[in-house]
């Protein structure tokens, strides 16, 4: 069983930046995949924002390339998402996600709003 606890995020003006962190309850080196997804208002599906397979390179949704950066910190057991140049359309609930022993685990969700 894996537990994910998200922190960070909040309300920011368009053009601003936010950082999300996801603390993982197990050793991150055992994870097969780590990523961030979001669900925008009025939508039911969670859509990939950024992800990385173990030992691989990050991949990003086209809509966030050049503005968002996913990173990991094994010393803190965290997955981070740095979001910059935020736009109103980035307003969503953001979820961290990991794959462990071929099972998906999700964080509780972090509501982030870019609005003036």
PDB file of N, CA and C in Angstrom:
ATOM      1  N   UNK A   1       0.843  -1.185   0.000  1.00  0.00           N
ATOM      2  CA  UNK A   1       0.000   0.000   0.000  1.00  0.00           C
ATOM      3  C   UNK A   1       0.889   1.250   0.000  1.00  0.00           C
ATOM      4  N   UNK A   2       0.531   2.209  -0.860  1.00  0.00           N
ATOM      5  CA  UNK A   2       1.295   3.449  -0.985  1.00  0.00           C
ATOM      6  C   UNK A   2       0.375   4.608  -0.629  1.00  0.00           C
ATOM      7  N   UNK A   3       0.880   5.510   0.176  1.00  0.00           N
ATOM      8  CA  UNK A   3       0.126   6.724   0.510  1.00  0.00           C
ATOM      9  C   UNK A   3       0.828   7.937  -0.081  1.00  0.00           C
ATOM     10  N   UNK A   4       0.032   8.824  -0.654  1.00  0.00           N
ATOM     11  CA  UNK A   4       0.545  10.045  -1.264  1.00  0.00           C
ATOM     12  C   UNK A   4      -0.124  11.237  -0.599  1.00  0.00           C
ATOM     13  N   UNK A   5       0.685  12.183  -0.144  1.00  0.00           N
ATOM     14  CA  UNK A   5       0.146  13.374   0.504  1.00  0.00           C
ATOM     15  C   UNK A   5       0.642  14.598  -0.243  1.00  0.00           C
ATOM     16  N   UNK A   6      -0.304  15.365  -0.775  1.00  0.00           N
ATOM     17  CA  UNK A   6       0.045  16.544  -1.553  1.00  0.00           C
ATOM     18  C   UNK A   6       0.083  17.797  -0.678  1.00  0.00           C
ATOM     19  N   UNK A   7       0.905  18.737  -1.109  1.00  0.00           N
ATOM     20  CA  UNK A   7       0.950  20.040  -0.437  1.00  0.00           C
ATOM     21  C   UNK A   7       1.333  21.101  -1.457  1.00  0.00           C
ATOM     22  N   UNK A   8       1.104  22.358  -1.072  1.00  0.00           N
ATOM     23  CA  UNK A   8       1.406  23.455  -1.973  1.00  0.00           C
ATOM     24  C   UNK A   8       0.183  23.862  -2.767  1.00  0.00           C
ATOM     25  N   UNK A   9       0.386  24.667  -3.774  1.00  0.00           N
ATOM     26  CA  UNK A   9      -0.718  25.128  -4.601  1.00  0.00           C
ATOM     27  C   UNK A   9      -1.492  26.261  -3.959  1.00  0.00           C
ATOM     28  N   UNK A  10      -2.646  26.601  -4.551  1.00  0.00           N
ATOM     29  CA  UNK A  10      -3.479  27.675  -4.018  1.00  0.00           C
ATOM     30  C   UNK A  10      -3.951  28.609  -5.106  1.00  0.00           C
ATOM     31  N   UNK A  11      -4.073  29.879  -4.755  1.00  0.00           N
ATOM     32  CA  UNK A  11      -4.581  30.893  -5.688  1.00  0.00           C
ATOM     33  C   UNK A  11      -3.436  31.812  -6.117  1.00  0.00           C
ATOM     34  N   UNK A  12      -3.372  32.086  -7.414  1.00  0.00           N
ATOM     35  CA  UNK A  12      -2.316  32.939  -7.940  1.00  0.00           C
ATOM     36  C   UNK A  12      -2.877  33.730  -9.107  1.00  0.00           C
ATOM     37  N   UNK A  13      -2.291  34.884  -9.365  1.00  0.00           N
ATOM     38  CA  UNK A  13      -2.716  35.663 -10.526  1.00  0.00           C
ATOM     39  C   UNK A  13      -2.136  35.062 -11.798  1.00  0.00           C
ATOM     40  N   UNK A  14      -2.813  35.250 -12.907  1.00  0.00           N
ATOM     41  CA  UNK A  14      -2.247  34.783 -14.181  1.00  0.00           C
ATOM     42  C   UNK A  14      -0.831  35.317 -14.381  1.00  0.00           C
ATOM     43  N   UNK A  15       0.035  34.438 -14.860  1.00  0.00           N
ATOM     44  CA  UNK A  15       1.438  34.796 -15.015  1.00  0.00           C
ATOM     45  C   UNK A  15       2.287  34.408 -13.837  1.00  0.00           C
ATOM     46  N   UNK A  16       1.649  34.041 -12.739  1.00  0.00           N
ATOM     47  CA  UNK A  16       2.365  33.682 -11.531  1.00  0.00           C
ATOM     48  C   UNK A  16       2.835  32.237 -11.527  1.00  0.00           C
ATOM     49  N   UNK A  17       3.391  31.828 -10.381  1.00  0.00           N
ATOM     50  CA  UNK A  17       3.955  30.487 -10.243  1.00  0.00           C
ATOM     51  C   UNK A  17       3.425  29.802  -8.993  1.00  0.00           C
ATOM     52  N   UNK A  18       3.378  28.499  -9.050  1.00  0.00           N
ATOM     53  CA  UNK A  18       3.014  27.672  -7.899  1.00  0.00           C
ATOM     54  C   UNK A  18       3.884  26.430  -7.894  1.00  0.00           C
ATOM     55  N   UNK A  19       4.043  25.870  -6.711  1.00  0.00           N
ATOM     56  CA  UNK A  19       4.764  24.611  -6.584  1.00  0.00           C
ATOM     57  C   UNK A  19       3.901  23.609  -5.836  1.00  0.00           C
ATOM     58  N   UNK A  20       3.871  22.401  -6.366  1.00  0.00           N
ATOM     59  CA  UNK A  20       3.180  21.300  -5.707  1.00  0.00           C
ATOM     60  C   UNK A  20       4.198  20.256  -5.282  1.00  0.00           C
ATOM     61  N   UNK A  21       3.947  19.659  -4.133  1.00  0.00           N
ATOM     62  CA  UNK A  21       4.783  18.549  -3.676  1.00  0.00           C
ATOM     63  C   UNK A  21       3.889  17.376  -3.336  1.00  0.00           C
ATOM     64  N   UNK A  22       4.423  16.201  -3.547  1.00  0.00           N
ATOM     65  CA  UNK A  22       3.703  14.967  -3.231  1.00  0.00           C
ATOM     66  C   UNK A  22       4.671  14.075  -2.462  1.00  0.00           C
ATOM     67  N   UNK A  23       4.374  13.841  -1.199  1.00  0.00           N
ATOM     68  CA  UNK A  23       5.229  12.991  -0.379  1.00  0.00           C
ATOM     69  C   UNK A  23       4.761  11.557  -0.479  1.00  0.00           C
ATOM     70  N   UNK A  24       5.699  10.684  -0.778  1.00  0.00           N
ATOM     71  CA  UNK A  24       5.409   9.265  -1.004  1.00  0.00           C
ATOM     72  C   UNK A  24       5.798   8.474   0.238  1.00  0.00           C
ATOM     73  N   UNK A  25       4.970   7.505   0.615  1.00  0.00           N
ATOM     74  CA  UNK A  25       5.180   6.776   1.869  1.00  0.00           C
ATOM     75  C   UNK A  25       6.194   5.647   1.756  1.00  0.00           C
ATOM     76  N   UNK A  26       6.655   5.349   0.541  1.00  0.00           N
ATOM     77  CA  UNK A  26       7.628   4.272   0.384  1.00  0.00           C
ATOM     78  C   UNK A  26       8.851   4.802  -0.357  1.00  0.00           C
ATOM     79  N   UNK A  27       9.893   3.993  -0.420  1.00  0.00           N
ATOM     80  CA  UNK A  27      11.106   4.360  -1.130  1.00  0.00           C
ATOM     81  C   UNK A  27      10.805   4.590  -2.598  1.00  0.00           C
ATOM     82  N   UNK A  28      11.138   5.775  -3.092  1.00  0.00           N
ATOM     83  CA  UNK A  28      10.766   6.144  -4.453  1.00  0.00           C
ATOM     84  C   UNK A  28      11.475   5.308  -5.509  1.00  0.00           C
ATOM     85  N   UNK A  29      12.599   4.712  -5.173  1.00  0.00           N
ATOM     86  CA  UNK A  29      13.327   3.923  -6.161  1.00  0.00           C
ATOM     87  C   UNK A  29      12.544   2.666  -6.563  1.00  0.00           C
ATOM     88  N   UNK A  30      11.547   2.313  -5.780  1.00  0.00           N
ATOM     89  CA  UNK A  30      10.742   1.140  -6.101  1.00  0.00           C
ATOM     90  C   UNK A  30       9.533   1.471  -6.981  1.00  0.00           C
ATOM     91  N   UNK A  31       9.337   2.741  -7.281  1.00  0.00           N
ATOM     92  CA  UNK A  31       8.202   3.150  -8.098  1.00  0.00           C
ATOM     93  C   UNK A  31       8.507   2.965  -9.576  1.00  0.00           C
ATOM     94  N   UNK A  32       7.510   2.526 -10.327  1.00  0.00           N
ATOM     95  CA  UNK A  32       7.681   2.329 -11.766  1.00  0.00           C
ATOM     96  C   UNK A  32       7.389   3.599 -12.555  1.00  0.00           C
ATOM     97  N   UNK A  33       6.519   4.432 -11.992  1.00  0.00           N
ATOM     98  CA  UNK A  33       6.087   5.637 -12.696  1.00  0.00           C
ATOM     99  C   UNK A  33       5.639   6.675 -11.673  1.00  0.00           C
ATOM    100  N   UNK A  34       5.874   7.949 -11.983  1.00  0.00           N
ATOM    101  CA  UNK A  34       5.433   9.055 -11.135  1.00  0.00           C
ATOM    102  C   UNK A  34       4.899  10.152 -12.044  1.00  0.00           C
ATOM    103  N   UNK A  35       3.801  10.752 -11.648  1.00  0.00           N
ATOM    104  CA  UNK A  35       3.252  11.779 -12.517  1.00  0.00           C
ATOM    105  C   UNK A  35       2.288  12.701 -11.812  1.00  0.00           C
ATOM    106  N   UNK A  36       1.882  13.723 -12.548  1.00  0.00           N
ATOM    107  CA  UNK A  36       0.873  14.676 -12.093  1.00  0.00           C
ATOM    108  C   UNK A  36      -0.233  14.725 -13.143  1.00  0.00           C
ATOM    109  N   UNK A  37      -1.463  14.716 -12.674  1.00  0.00           N
ATOM    110  CA  UNK A  37      -2.637  14.822 -13.523  1.00  0.00           C
ATOM    111  C   UNK A  37      -3.496  15.976 -13.002  1.00  0.00           C
ATOM    112  N   UNK A  38      -4.430  16.407 -13.833  1.00  0.00           N
ATOM    113  CA  UNK A  38      -5.343  17.441 -13.364  1.00  0.00           C
ATOM    114  C   UNK A  38      -6.743  17.213 -13.918  1.00  0.00           C
ATOM    115  N   UNK A  39      -7.702  17.709 -13.149  1.00  0.00           N
ATOM    116  CA  UNK A  39      -9.095  17.669 -13.573  1.00  0.00           C
ATOM    117  C   UNK A  39      -9.609  19.101 -13.559  1.00  0.00           C
ATOM    118  N   UNK A  40      -9.954  19.580 -14.734  1.00  0.00           N
ATOM    119  CA  UNK A  40     -10.421  20.968 -14.866  1.00  0.00           C
ATOM    120  C   UNK A  40     -11.901  21.057 -14.531  1.00  0.00           C
ATOM    121  N   UNK A  41     -12.380  22.241 -14.163  1.00  0.00           N
ATOM    122  CA  UNK A  41     -13.789  22.419 -13.789  1.00  0.00           C
ATOM    123  C   UNK A  41     -14.738  21.938 -14.875  1.00  0.00           C
ATOM    124  N   UNK A  42     -15.725  21.187 -14.478  1.00  0.00           N
ATOM    125  CA  UNK A  42     -16.712  20.685 -15.424  1.00  0.00           C
ATOM    126  C   UNK A  42     -16.311  19.412 -16.135  1.00  0.00           C
ATOM    127  N   UNK A  43     -15.126  18.951 -15.904  1.00  0.00           N
ATOM    128  CA  UNK A  43     -14.659  17.727 -16.537  1.00  0.00           C
ATOM    129  C   UNK A  43     -14.602  16.600 -15.503  1.00  0.00           C
ATOM    130  N   UNK A  44     -14.818  15.382 -15.962  1.00  0.00           N
ATOM    131  CA  UNK A  44     -14.777  14.246 -15.039  1.00  0.00           C
ATOM    132  C   UNK A  44     -13.444  13.513 -15.084  1.00  0.00           C
ATOM    133  N   UNK A  45     -12.740  13.626 -16.185  1.00  0.00           N
ATOM    134  CA  UNK A  45     -11.508  12.851 -16.344  1.00  0.00           C
ATOM    135  C   UNK A  45     -10.294  13.624 -15.842  1.00  0.00           C
ATOM    136  N   UNK A  46      -9.349  12.850 -15.334  1.00  0.00           N
ATOM    137  CA  UNK A  46      -8.048  13.423 -14.982  1.00  0.00           C
ATOM    138  C   UNK A  46      -7.138  13.277 -16.200  1.00  0.00           C
ATOM    139  N   UNK A  47      -6.456  14.350 -16.547  1.00  0.00           N
ATOM    140  CA  UNK A  47      -5.621  14.395 -17.740  1.00  0.00           C
ATOM    141  C   UNK A  47      -4.160  14.539 -17.328  1.00  0.00           C
ATOM    142  N   UNK A  48      -3.292  13.842 -18.044  1.00  0.00           N
ATOM    143  CA  UNK A  48      -1.869  13.908 -17.740  1.00  0.00           C
ATOM    144  C   UNK A  48      -1.338  15.316 -17.918  1.00  0.00           C
ATOM    145  N   UNK A  49      -0.570  15.766 -16.918  1.00  0.00           N
ATOM    146  CA  UNK A  49       0.146  17.038 -17.000  1.00  0.00           C
ATOM    147  C   UNK A  49       1.617  16.762 -17.273  1.00  0.00           C
ATOM    148  N   UNK A  50       2.204  15.904 -16.440  1.00  0.00           N
ATOM    149  CA  UNK A  50       3.622  15.566 -16.577  1.00  0.00           C
ATOM    150  C   UNK A  50       3.851  14.223 -15.925  1.00  0.00           C
ATOM    151  N   UNK A  51       4.772  13.440 -16.480  1.00  0.00           N
ATOM    152  CA  UNK A  51       5.053  12.142 -15.907  1.00  0.00           C
ATOM    153  C   UNK A  51       6.451  11.679 -16.243  1.00  0.00           C
ATOM    154  N   UNK A  52       6.901  10.707 -15.475  1.00  0.00           N
ATOM    155  CA  UNK A  52       8.236  10.173 -15.707  1.00  0.00           C
ATOM    156  C   UNK A  52       8.276   8.714 -15.270  1.00  0.00           C
ATOM    157  N   UNK A  53       8.775   7.868 -16.164  1.00  0.00           N
ATOM    158  CA  UNK A  53       8.991   6.471 -15.815  1.00  0.00           C
ATOM    159  C   UNK A  53      10.335   6.333 -15.115  1.00  0.00           C
ATOM    160  N   UNK A  54      10.443   5.333 -14.301  1.00  0.00           N
ATOM    161  CA  UNK A  54      11.684   5.094 -13.580  1.00  0.00           C
ATOM    162  C   UNK A  54      12.842   4.992 -14.564  1.00  0.00           C
ATOM    163  N   UNK A  55      13.844   5.813 -14.377  1.00  0.00           N
ATOM    164  CA  UNK A  55      15.008   5.795 -15.257  1.00  0.00           C
ATOM    165  C   UNK A  55      14.809   6.493 -16.582  1.00  0.00           C
ATOM    166  N   UNK A  56      13.626   7.068 -16.796  1.00  0.00           N
ATOM    167  CA  UNK A  56      13.331   7.709 -18.073  1.00  0.00           C
ATOM    168  C   UNK A  56      13.359   9.222 -18.006  1.00  0.00           C
ATOM    169  N   UNK A  57      12.968   9.819 -19.125  1.00  0.00           N
ATOM    170  CA  UNK A  57      12.916  11.266 -19.220  1.00  0.00           C
ATOM    171  C   UNK A  57      11.485  11.746 -18.997  1.00  0.00           C
ATOM    172  N   UNK A  58      11.320  12.950 -18.470  1.00  0.00           N
ATOM    173  CA  UNK A  58       9.959  13.458 -18.251  1.00  0.00           C
ATOM    174  C   UNK A  58       9.217  13.683 -19.563  1.00  0.00           C
ATOM    175  N   UNK A  59       7.916  13.515 -19.512  1.00  0.00           N
ATOM    176  CA  UNK A  59       7.101  13.911 -20.654  1.00  0.00           C
ATOM    177  C   UNK A  59       5.995  14.828 -20.156  1.00  0.00           C
ATOM    178  N   UNK A  60       5.573  15.725 -21.022  1.00  0.00           N
ATOM    179  CA  UNK A  60       4.633  16.776 -20.634  1.00  0.00           C
ATOM    180  C   UNK A  60       3.495  16.873 -21.634  1.00  0.00           C
ATOM    181  N   UNK A  61       2.348  17.294 -21.130  1.00  0.00           N
ATOM    182  CA  UNK A  61       1.255  17.637 -22.025  1.00  0.00           C
ATOM    183  C   UNK A  61       1.684  18.849 -22.850  1.00  0.00           C
ATOM    184  N   UNK A  62       1.248  18.905 -24.084  1.00  0.00           N
ATOM    185  CA  UNK A  62       1.629  20.023 -24.954  1.00  0.00           C
ATOM    186  C   UNK A  62       1.246  21.369 -24.348  1.00  0.00           C
ATOM    187  N   UNK A  63       0.137  21.387 -23.634  1.00  0.00           N
ATOM    188  CA  UNK A  63      -0.371  22.647 -23.100  1.00  0.00           C
ATOM    189  C   UNK A  63       0.498  23.238 -21.988  1.00  0.00           C
ATOM    190  N   UNK A  64       1.403  22.424 -21.422  1.00  0.00           N
ATOM    191  CA  UNK A  64       2.224  22.924 -20.309  1.00  0.00           C
ATOM    192  C   UNK A  64       3.716  22.899 -20.608  1.00  0.00           C
ATOM    193  N   UNK A  65       4.091  22.419 -21.777  1.00  0.00           N
ATOM    194  CA  UNK A  65       5.516  22.349 -22.115  1.00  0.00           C
ATOM    195  C   UNK A  65       6.150  23.726 -22.046  1.00  0.00           C
ATOM    196  N   UNK A  66       7.327  23.758 -21.418  1.00  0.00           N
ATOM    197  CA  UNK A  66       8.037  25.025 -21.275  1.00  0.00           C
ATOM    198  C   UNK A  66       7.596  25.844 -20.075  1.00  0.00           C
ATOM    199  N   UNK A  67       6.483  25.445 -19.442  1.00  0.00           N
ATOM    200  CA  UNK A  67       5.989  26.209 -18.281  1.00  0.00           C
ATOM    201  C   UNK A  67       6.004  25.375 -17.003  1.00  0.00           C
ATOM    202  N   UNK A  68       5.828  24.062 -17.123  1.00  0.00           N
ATOM    203  CA  UNK A  68       5.775  23.184 -15.957  1.00  0.00           C
ATOM    204  C   UNK A  68       7.002  22.285 -15.950  1.00  0.00           C
ATOM    205  N   UNK A  69       7.464  21.949 -14.751  1.00  0.00           N
ATOM    206  CA  UNK A  69       8.604  21.048 -14.605  1.00  0.00           C
ATOM    207  C   UNK A  69       8.325  20.043 -13.502  1.00  0.00           C
ATOM    208  N   UNK A  70       8.458  18.768 -13.840  1.00  0.00           N
ATOM    209  CA  UNK A  70       8.325  17.714 -12.847  1.00  0.00           C
ATOM    210  C   UNK A  70       9.714  17.310 -12.382  1.00  0.00           C
ATOM    211  N   UNK A  71       9.837  17.061 -11.101  1.00  0.00           N
ATOM    212  CA  UNK A  71      11.119  16.619 -10.566  1.00  0.00           C
ATOM    213  C   UNK A  71      10.866  15.719  -9.363  1.00  0.00           C
ATOM    214  N   UNK A  72      11.902  15.017  -8.990  1.00  0.00           N
ATOM    215  CA  UNK A  72      11.803  14.141  -7.833  1.00  0.00           C
ATOM    216  C   UNK A  72      12.945  14.422  -6.870  1.00  0.00           C
ATOM    217  N   UNK A  73      12.699  14.210  -5.611  1.00  0.00           N
ATOM    218  CA  UNK A  73      13.723  14.374  -4.588  1.00  0.00           C
ATOM    219  C   UNK A  73      13.709  13.115  -3.728  1.00  0.00           C
ATOM    220  N   UNK A  74      14.652  12.218  -3.998  1.00  0.00           N
ATOM    221  CA  UNK A  74      14.670  10.942  -3.279  1.00  0.00           C
ATOM    222  C   UNK A  74      14.991  11.127  -1.810  1.00  0.00           C
ATOM    223  N   UNK A  75      15.755  12.153  -1.474  1.00  0.00           N
ATOM    224  CA  UNK A  75      16.112  12.367  -0.066  1.00  0.00           C
ATOM    225  C   UNK A  75      14.898  12.748   0.770  1.00  0.00           C
ATOM    226  N   UNK A  76      13.897  13.366   0.117  1.00  0.00           N
ATOM    227  CA  UNK A  76      12.668  13.752   0.818  1.00  0.00           C
ATOM    228  C   UNK A  76      11.484  12.871   0.423  1.00  0.00           C
ATOM    229  N   UNK A  77      11.731  11.942  -0.475  1.00  0.00           N
ATOM    230  CA  UNK A  77      10.642  11.077  -0.973  1.00  0.00           C
ATOM    231  C   UNK A  77       9.484  11.919  -1.531  1.00  0.00           C
ATOM    232  N   UNK A  78       9.815  12.900  -2.344  1.00  0.00           N
ATOM    233  CA  UNK A  78       8.775  13.761  -2.889  1.00  0.00           C
ATOM    234  C   UNK A  78       8.845  13.839  -4.416  1.00  0.00           C
ATOM    235  N   UNK A  79       7.679  14.045  -4.984  1.00  0.00           N
ATOM    236  CA  UNK A  79       7.539  14.346  -6.403  1.00  0.00           C
ATOM    237  C   UNK A  79       7.054  15.790  -6.462  1.00  0.00           C
ATOM    238  N   UNK A  80       7.710  16.585  -7.271  1.00  0.00           N
ATOM    239  CA  UNK A  80       7.374  18.011  -7.296  1.00  0.00           C
ATOM    240  C   UNK A  80       6.901  18.433  -8.685  1.00  0.00           C
ATOM    241  N   UNK A  81       6.061  19.444  -8.679  1.00  0.00           N
ATOM    242  CA  UNK A  81       5.629  20.041  -9.936  1.00  0.00           C
ATOM    243  C   UNK A  81       5.754  21.551  -9.781  1.00  0.00           C
ATOM    244  N   UNK A  82       6.637  22.117 -10.563  1.00  0.00           N
ATOM    245  CA  UNK A  82       6.775  23.568 -10.566  1.00  0.00           C
ATOM    246  C   UNK A  82       5.985  24.102 -11.755  1.00  0.00           C
ATOM    247  N   UNK A  83       5.093  25.029 -11.472  1.00  0.00           N
ATOM    248  CA  UNK A  83       4.233  25.590 -12.508  1.00  0.00           C
ATOM    249  C   UNK A  83       4.504  27.082 -12.604  1.00  0.00           C
ATOM    250  N   UNK A  84       4.833  27.552 -13.777  1.00  0.00           N
ATOM    251  CA  UNK A  84       5.100  28.973 -13.974  1.00  0.00           C
ATOM    252  C   UNK A  84       4.293  29.489 -15.157  1.00  0.00           C
ATOM    253  N   UNK A  85       4.246  30.809 -15.279  1.00  0.00           N
ATOM    254  CA  UNK A  85       3.464  31.459 -16.340  1.00  0.00           C
ATOM    255  C   UNK A  85       2.054  30.881 -16.382  1.00  0.00           C
ATOM    256  N   UNK A  86       1.452  30.798 -15.214  1.00  0.00           N
ATOM    257  CA  UNK A  86       0.146  30.162 -15.121  1.00  0.00           C
ATOM    258  C   UNK A  86      -0.919  30.953 -15.855  1.00  0.00           C
ATOM    259  N   UNK A  87      -1.851  30.209 -16.433  1.00  0.00           N
ATOM    260  CA  UNK A  87      -2.955  30.788 -17.184  1.00  0.00           C
ATOM    261  C   UNK A  87      -4.267  30.378 -16.522  1.00  0.00           C
ATOM    262  N   UNK A  88      -5.319  31.130 -16.752  1.00  0.00           N
ATOM    263  CA  UNK A  88      -6.612  30.724 -16.195  1.00  0.00           C
ATOM    264  C   UNK A  88      -7.006  29.303 -16.572  1.00  0.00           C
ATOM    265  N   UNK A  89      -6.630  28.855 -17.748  1.00  0.00           N
ATOM    266  CA  UNK A  89      -7.008  27.507 -18.161  1.00  0.00           C
ATOM    267  C   UNK A  89      -6.240  26.427 -17.401  1.00  0.00           C
ATOM    268  N   UNK A  90      -5.225  26.818 -16.619  1.00  0.00           N
ATOM    269  CA  UNK A  90      -4.526  25.855 -15.776  1.00  0.00           C
ATOM    270  C   UNK A  90      -5.276  25.584 -14.469  1.00  0.00           C
ATOM    271  N   UNK A  91      -6.322  26.353 -14.227  1.00  0.00           N
ATOM    272  CA  UNK A  91      -7.119  26.150 -13.018  1.00  0.00           C
ATOM    273  C   UNK A  91      -7.704  24.745 -13.020  1.00  0.00           C
ATOM    274  N   UNK A  92      -7.397  24.008 -11.956  1.00  0.00           N
ATOM    275  CA  UNK A  92      -7.808  22.607 -11.899  1.00  0.00           C
ATOM    276  C   UNK A  92      -7.494  22.052 -10.513  1.00  0.00           C
ATOM    277  N   UNK A  93      -7.953  20.845 -10.301  1.00  0.00           N
ATOM    278  CA  UNK A  93      -7.503  20.066  -9.148  1.00  0.00           C
ATOM    279  C   UNK A  93      -6.388  19.158  -9.653  1.00  0.00           C
ATOM    280  N   UNK A  94      -5.242  19.258  -9.016  1.00  0.00           N
ATOM    281  CA  UNK A  94      -4.064  18.515  -9.438  1.00  0.00           C
ATOM    282  C   UNK A  94      -3.851  17.307  -8.531  1.00  0.00           C
ATOM    283  N   UNK A  95      -3.550  16.178  -9.152  1.00  0.00           N
ATOM    284  CA  UNK A  95      -3.359  14.929  -8.425  1.00  0.00           C
ATOM    285  C   UNK A  95      -1.994  14.340  -8.747  1.00  0.00           C
ATOM    286  N   UNK A  96      -1.278  13.902  -7.740  1.00  0.00           N
ATOM    287  CA  UNK A  96      -0.080  13.134  -8.030  1.00  0.00           C
ATOM    288  C   UNK A  96      -0.471  11.665  -8.161  1.00  0.00           C
ATOM    289  N   UNK A  97       0.318  10.956  -8.914  1.00  0.00           N
ATOM    290  CA  UNK A  97       0.016   9.561  -9.247  1.00  0.00           C
ATOM    291  C   UNK A  97       1.310   8.759  -9.310  1.00  0.00           C
ATOM    292  N   UNK A  98       1.280   7.549  -8.783  1.00  0.00           N
ATOM    293  CA  UNK A  98       2.429   6.669  -8.920  1.00  0.00           C
ATOM    294  C   UNK A  98       1.941   5.279  -9.298  1.00  0.00           C
ATOM    295  N   UNK A  99       2.827   4.551  -9.932  1.00  0.00           N
ATOM    296  CA  UNK A  99       2.586   3.161 -10.272  1.00  0.00           C
ATOM    297  C   UNK A  99       3.568   2.328  -9.469  1.00  0.00           C
ATOM    298  N   UNK A 100       3.025   1.392  -8.701  1.00  0.00           N
ATOM    299  CA  UNK A 100       3.855   0.554  -7.834  1.00  0.00           C
ATOM    300  C   UNK A 100       3.333  -0.859  -7.915  1.00  0.00           C
ATOM    301  N   UNK A 101       4.224  -1.773  -8.322  1.00  0.00           N
ATOM    302  CA  UNK A 101       3.807  -3.164  -8.520  1.00  0.00           C
ATOM    303  C   UNK A 101       2.553  -3.221  -9.400  1.00  0.00           C
ATOM    304  N   UNK A 102       2.568  -2.385 -10.447  1.00  0.00           N
ATOM    305  CA  UNK A 102       1.533  -2.333 -11.484  1.00  0.00           C
ATOM    306  C   UNK A 102       0.168  -1.875 -10.955  1.00  0.00           C
ATOM    307  N   UNK A 103       0.173  -1.250  -9.794  1.00  0.00           N
ATOM    308  CA  UNK A 103      -1.062  -0.662  -9.262  1.00  0.00           C
ATOM    309  C   UNK A 103      -0.916   0.849  -9.198  1.00  0.00           C
ATOM    310  N   UNK A 104      -2.014   1.551  -9.552  1.00  0.00           N
ATOM    311  CA  UNK A 104      -2.032   2.999  -9.501  1.00  0.00           C
ATOM    312  C   UNK A 104      -2.445   3.503  -8.123  1.00  0.00           C
ATOM    313  N   UNK A 105      -1.757   4.533  -7.674  1.00  0.00           N
ATOM    314  CA  UNK A 105      -2.109   5.197  -6.419  1.00  0.00           C
ATOM    315  C   UNK A 105      -2.204   6.695  -6.676  1.00  0.00           C
ATOM    316  N   UNK A 106      -3.146   7.346  -5.970  1.00  0.00           N
ATOM    317  CA  UNK A 106      -3.424   8.761  -6.198  1.00  0.00           C
ATOM    318  C   UNK A 106      -3.340   9.578  -4.915  1.00  0.00           C
ATOM    319  N   UNK A 107      -2.903  10.828  -5.082  1.00  0.00           N
ATOM    320  CA  UNK A 107      -2.959  11.763  -3.973  1.00  0.00           C
ATOM    321  C   UNK A 107      -4.378  12.272  -3.790  1.00  0.00           C
ATOM    322  N   UNK A 108      -4.562  13.091  -2.769  1.00  0.00           N
ATOM    323  CA  UNK A 108      -5.908  13.540  -2.404  1.00  0.00           C
ATOM    324  C   UNK A 108      -6.398  14.686  -3.285  1.00  0.00           C
ATOM    325  N   UNK A 109      -5.510  15.298  -4.040  1.00  0.00           N
ATOM    326  CA  UNK A 109      -5.896  16.398  -4.922  1.00  0.00           C
ATOM    327  C   UNK A 109      -5.590  17.748  -4.293  1.00  0.00           C
ATOM    328  N   UNK A 110      -5.125  18.664  -5.135  1.00  0.00           N
ATOM    329  CA  UNK A 110      -4.796  20.022  -4.691  1.00  0.00           C
ATOM    330  C   UNK A 110      -5.429  21.007  -5.654  1.00  0.00           C
ATOM    331  N   UNK A 111      -6.294  21.870  -5.126  1.00  0.00           N
ATOM    332  CA  UNK A 111      -6.987  22.818  -5.984  1.00  0.00           C
ATOM    333  C   UNK A 111      -6.105  24.033  -6.229  1.00  0.00           C
ATOM    334  N   UNK A 112      -5.862  24.307  -7.498  1.00  0.00           N
ATOM    335  CA  UNK A 112      -5.016  25.418  -7.884  1.00  0.00           C
ATOM    336  C   UNK A 112      -5.767  26.312  -8.859  1.00  0.00           C
ATOM    337  N   UNK A 113      -5.727  27.602  -8.570  1.00  0.00           N
ATOM    338  CA  UNK A 113      -6.484  28.555  -9.362  1.00  0.00           C
ATOM    339  C   UNK A 113      -5.589  29.699  -9.819  1.00  0.00           C
ATOM    340  N   UNK A 114      -5.662  29.987 -11.116  1.00  0.00           N
ATOM    341  CA  UNK A 114      -4.974  31.147 -11.671  1.00  0.00           C
ATOM    342  C   UNK A 114      -6.053  32.120 -12.121  1.00  0.00           C
ATOM    343  N   UNK A 115      -6.241  33.167 -11.328  1.00  0.00           N
ATOM    344  CA  UNK A 115      -7.329  34.103 -11.623  1.00  0.00           C
ATOM    345  C   UNK A 115      -6.968  35.487 -11.115  1.00  0.00           C
ATOM    346  N   UNK A 116      -7.432  36.491 -11.825  1.00  0.00           N
ATOM    347  CA  UNK A 116      -7.213  37.859 -11.390  1.00  0.00           C
ATOM    348  C   UNK A 116      -8.421  38.354 -10.593  1.00  0.00           C
TER     349      UNK A 116
END
